[in-house]
Amino acid sequence: MTNVVHLNIPFALLGRWRSDDDDGRSEYDISVEGGVVKVTAIDFVDGEEYEVSGVHYDRTMIAFDTLMRSTGRKGHLVLKAGSSPDRAQQTFTFTHTLEMVRQNQG
């Protein structure tokens, strides 16, 4: 008897991804190591690595959180398989933390 194992891995998203937007600086590498999906990310302009955490996925999408240590900028990305093998749709939400200064009334 043959055992069938269903892998819930987003195979269409494996590989290295960059935005085709001129402002994009991030590159994401999605791979499988030891049966686990792994995501690494860098700013390809200056080479700084992002800290990646909270990776979860299904067959058609992968989501993860990033932290750029030099700026403290945190992001949440969702990458979905696109209309062709070389395309994916990215939704990026970031958190920007800053210090507020009380304004004098009057």
C-alpha atoms as a PDB file:
ATOM      1  CA  MET A   1       0.000   0.000   0.000  1.00  0.00           C
ATOM      2  CA  THR A   2       1.261   3.455  -0.877  1.00  0.00           C
ATOM      3  CA  ASN A   3       1.230   6.232   1.664  1.00  0.00           C
ATOM      4  CA  VAL A   4       0.315   9.613   0.233  1.00  0.00           C
ATOM      5  CA  VAL A   5       1.699  12.626   2.032  1.00  0.00           C
ATOM      6  CA  HIS A   6       0.125  15.972   1.248  1.00  0.00           C
ATOM      7  CA  LEU A   7       2.600  18.794   1.614  1.00  0.00           C
ATOM      8  CA  ASN A   8       0.967  22.072   2.467  1.00  0.00           C
ATOM      9  CA  ILE A   9       3.943  24.033   1.133  1.00  0.00           C
ATOM     10  CA  PRO A  10       3.586  27.013  -1.232  1.00  0.00           C
ATOM     11  CA  PHE A  11       5.769  25.500  -3.978  1.00  0.00           C
ATOM     12  CA  ALA A  12       4.838  28.299  -6.409  1.00  0.00           C
ATOM     13  CA  LEU A  13       6.513  30.789  -4.058  1.00  0.00           C
ATOM     14  CA  LEU A  14       9.853  29.027  -3.624  1.00  0.00           C
ATOM     15  CA  GLY A  15      12.758  31.104  -4.899  1.00  0.00           C
ATOM     16  CA  ARG A  16      14.094  34.643  -4.673  1.00  0.00           C
ATOM     17  CA  TRP A  17      11.670  37.552  -4.970  1.00  0.00           C
ATOM     18  CA  ARG A  18      12.055  41.314  -5.497  1.00  0.00           C
ATOM     19  CA  SER A  19       9.553  44.033  -6.260  1.00  0.00           C
ATOM     20  CA  ASP A  20       9.572  45.480  -9.756  1.00  0.00           C
ATOM     21  CA  ASP A  21       8.810  48.882  -8.173  1.00  0.00           C
ATOM     22  CA  ASP A  22      11.765  51.287  -8.369  1.00  0.00           C
ATOM     23  CA  ASP A  23      11.415  52.083  -4.644  1.00  0.00           C
ATOM     24  CA  GLY A  24      11.686  48.434  -3.584  1.00  0.00           C
ATOM     25  CA  ARG A  25      14.891  47.498  -1.765  1.00  0.00           C
ATOM     26  CA  SER A  26      13.924  44.160  -0.248  1.00  0.00           C
ATOM     27  CA  GLU A  27      14.707  40.691  -1.484  1.00  0.00           C
ATOM     28  CA  TYR A  28      13.093  37.585  -0.001  1.00  0.00           C
ATOM     29  CA  ASP A  29      14.449  34.066  -0.430  1.00  0.00           C
ATOM     30  CA  ILE A  30      11.931  31.297   0.257  1.00  0.00           C
ATOM     31  CA  SER A  31      13.181  27.737   0.479  1.00  0.00           C
ATOM     32  CA  VAL A  32      12.484  24.407   2.130  1.00  0.00           C
ATOM     33  CA  GLU A  33      15.077  22.956   4.467  1.00  0.00           C
ATOM     34  CA  GLY A  34      14.423  19.708   6.306  1.00  0.00           C
ATOM     35  CA  GLY A  35      10.744  19.832   5.362  1.00  0.00           C
ATOM     36  CA  VAL A  36      10.338  23.317   6.851  1.00  0.00           C
ATOM     37  CA  VAL A  37       9.728  26.517   4.902  1.00  0.00           C
ATOM     38  CA  LYS A  38      12.537  29.020   5.521  1.00  0.00           C
ATOM     39  CA  VAL A  39      12.482  32.739   4.694  1.00  0.00           C
ATOM     40  CA  THR A  40      15.509  35.019   4.608  1.00  0.00           C
ATOM     41  CA  ALA A  41      15.372  38.690   3.679  1.00  0.00           C
ATOM     42  CA  ILE A  42      17.850  41.455   2.890  1.00  0.00           C
ATOM     43  CA  ASP A  43      17.986  45.047   1.782  1.00  0.00           C
ATOM     44  CA  PHE A  44      19.776  44.327  -1.504  1.00  0.00           C
ATOM     45  CA  VAL A  45      20.996  47.933  -1.814  1.00  0.00           C
ATOM     46  CA  ASP A  46      23.098  47.960   1.372  1.00  0.00           C
ATOM     47  CA  GLY A  47      23.125  44.236   2.241  1.00  0.00           C
ATOM     48  CA  GLU A  48      21.526  44.554   5.683  1.00  0.00           C
ATOM     49  CA  GLU A  49      19.637  41.418   6.713  1.00  0.00           C
ATOM     50  CA  TYR A  50      16.121  41.540   8.077  1.00  0.00           C
ATOM     51  CA  GLU A  51      15.183  39.495  11.118  1.00  0.00           C
ATOM     52  CA  VAL A  52      12.366  37.180   9.964  1.00  0.00           C
ATOM     53  CA  SER A  53       9.876  35.576  12.364  1.00  0.00           C
ATOM     54  CA  GLY A  54       6.324  34.259  12.570  1.00  0.00           C
ATOM     55  CA  VAL A  55       6.445  32.367   9.284  1.00  0.00           C
ATOM     56  CA  HIS A  56       3.197  30.610   8.383  1.00  0.00           C
ATOM     57  CA  TYR A  57       1.879  29.392   5.061  1.00  0.00           C
ATOM     58  CA  ASP A  58      -0.479  27.247   3.093  1.00  0.00           C
ATOM     59  CA  ARG A  59      -0.358  26.008  -0.502  1.00  0.00           C
ATOM     60  CA  THR A  60      -0.934  29.426  -2.069  1.00  0.00           C
ATOM     61  CA  MET A  61       0.535  31.990   0.331  1.00  0.00           C
ATOM     62  CA  ILE A  62       3.245  32.644   2.867  1.00  0.00           C
ATOM     63  CA  ALA A  63       3.135  35.266   5.620  1.00  0.00           C
ATOM     64  CA  PHE A  64       5.894  36.451   7.911  1.00  0.00           C
ATOM     65  CA  ASP A  65       7.108  39.343  10.046  1.00  0.00           C
ATOM     66  CA  THR A  66      10.302  41.314   9.504  1.00  0.00           C
ATOM     67  CA  LEU A  67      12.433  43.624  11.599  1.00  0.00           C
ATOM     68  CA  MET A  68      15.101  45.934  10.171  1.00  0.00           C
ATOM     69  CA  ARG A  69      17.383  46.276  13.167  1.00  0.00           C
ATOM     70  CA  SER A  70      19.087  49.508  12.068  1.00  0.00           C
ATOM     71  CA  THR A  71      15.798  51.428  11.880  1.00  0.00           C
ATOM     72  CA  GLY A  72      13.538  49.392  14.185  1.00  0.00           C
ATOM     73  CA  ARG A  73      10.999  49.182  11.364  1.00  0.00           C
ATOM     74  CA  LYS A  74       8.707  46.183  11.703  1.00  0.00           C
ATOM     75  CA  GLY A  75       6.692  44.753   8.852  1.00  0.00           C
ATOM     76  CA  HIS A  76       4.177  42.024   8.136  1.00  0.00           C
ATOM     77  CA  LEU A  77       4.247  40.542   4.645  1.00  0.00           C
ATOM     78  CA  VAL A  78       1.848  38.275   2.842  1.00  0.00           C
ATOM     79  CA  LEU A  79       3.025  36.829  -0.454  1.00  0.00           C
ATOM     80  CA  LYS A  80       0.479  35.075  -2.668  1.00  0.00           C
ATOM     81  CA  ALA A  81       1.078  33.103  -5.829  1.00  0.00           C
ATOM     82  CA  GLY A  82       0.498  35.323  -8.848  1.00  0.00           C
ATOM     83  CA  SER A  83      -0.983  35.051 -12.305  1.00  0.00           C
ATOM     84  CA  SER A  84       2.141  33.391 -13.707  1.00  0.00           C
ATOM     85  CA  PRO A  85       5.024  31.337 -12.268  1.00  0.00           C
ATOM     86  CA  ASP A  86       7.299  34.385 -12.102  1.00  0.00           C
ATOM     87  CA  ARG A  87       4.785  36.690 -10.421  1.00  0.00           C
ATOM     88  CA  ALA A  88       3.519  37.011  -6.849  1.00  0.00           C
ATOM     89  CA  GLN A  89       1.341  39.546  -5.086  1.00  0.00           C
ATOM     90  CA  GLN A  90       2.768  41.123  -1.935  1.00  0.00           C
ATOM     91  CA  THR A  91       0.840  42.906   0.779  1.00  0.00           C
ATOM     92  CA  PHE A  92       3.140  44.777   3.161  1.00  0.00           C
ATOM     93  CA  THR A  93       2.004  46.397   6.392  1.00  0.00           C
ATOM     94  CA  PHE A  94       4.561  48.146   8.553  1.00  0.00           C
ATOM     95  CA  THR A  95       4.651  49.589  12.032  1.00  0.00           C
ATOM     96  CA  HIS A  96       6.491  52.839  12.535  1.00  0.00           C
ATOM     97  CA  THR A  97       7.223  53.772  16.144  1.00  0.00           C
ATOM     98  CA  LEU A  98       8.174  57.327  17.023  1.00  0.00           C
ATOM     99  CA  GLU A  99       8.360  59.531  20.072  1.00  0.00           C
ATOM    100  CA  MET A 100       5.646  62.117  20.586  1.00  0.00           C
ATOM    101  CA  VAL A 101       6.220  65.555  22.181  1.00  0.00           C
ATOM    102  CA  ARG A 102       3.537  67.241  24.246  1.00  0.00           C
ATOM    103  CA  GLN A 103       2.466  70.555  22.725  1.00  0.00           C
ATOM    104  CA  ASN A 104       1.827  73.566  24.939  1.00  0.00           C
ATOM    105  CA  GLN A 105      -1.780  74.694  24.994  1.00  0.00           C
ATOM    106  CA  GLY A 106      -2.560  78.265  24.447  1.00  0.00           C
END
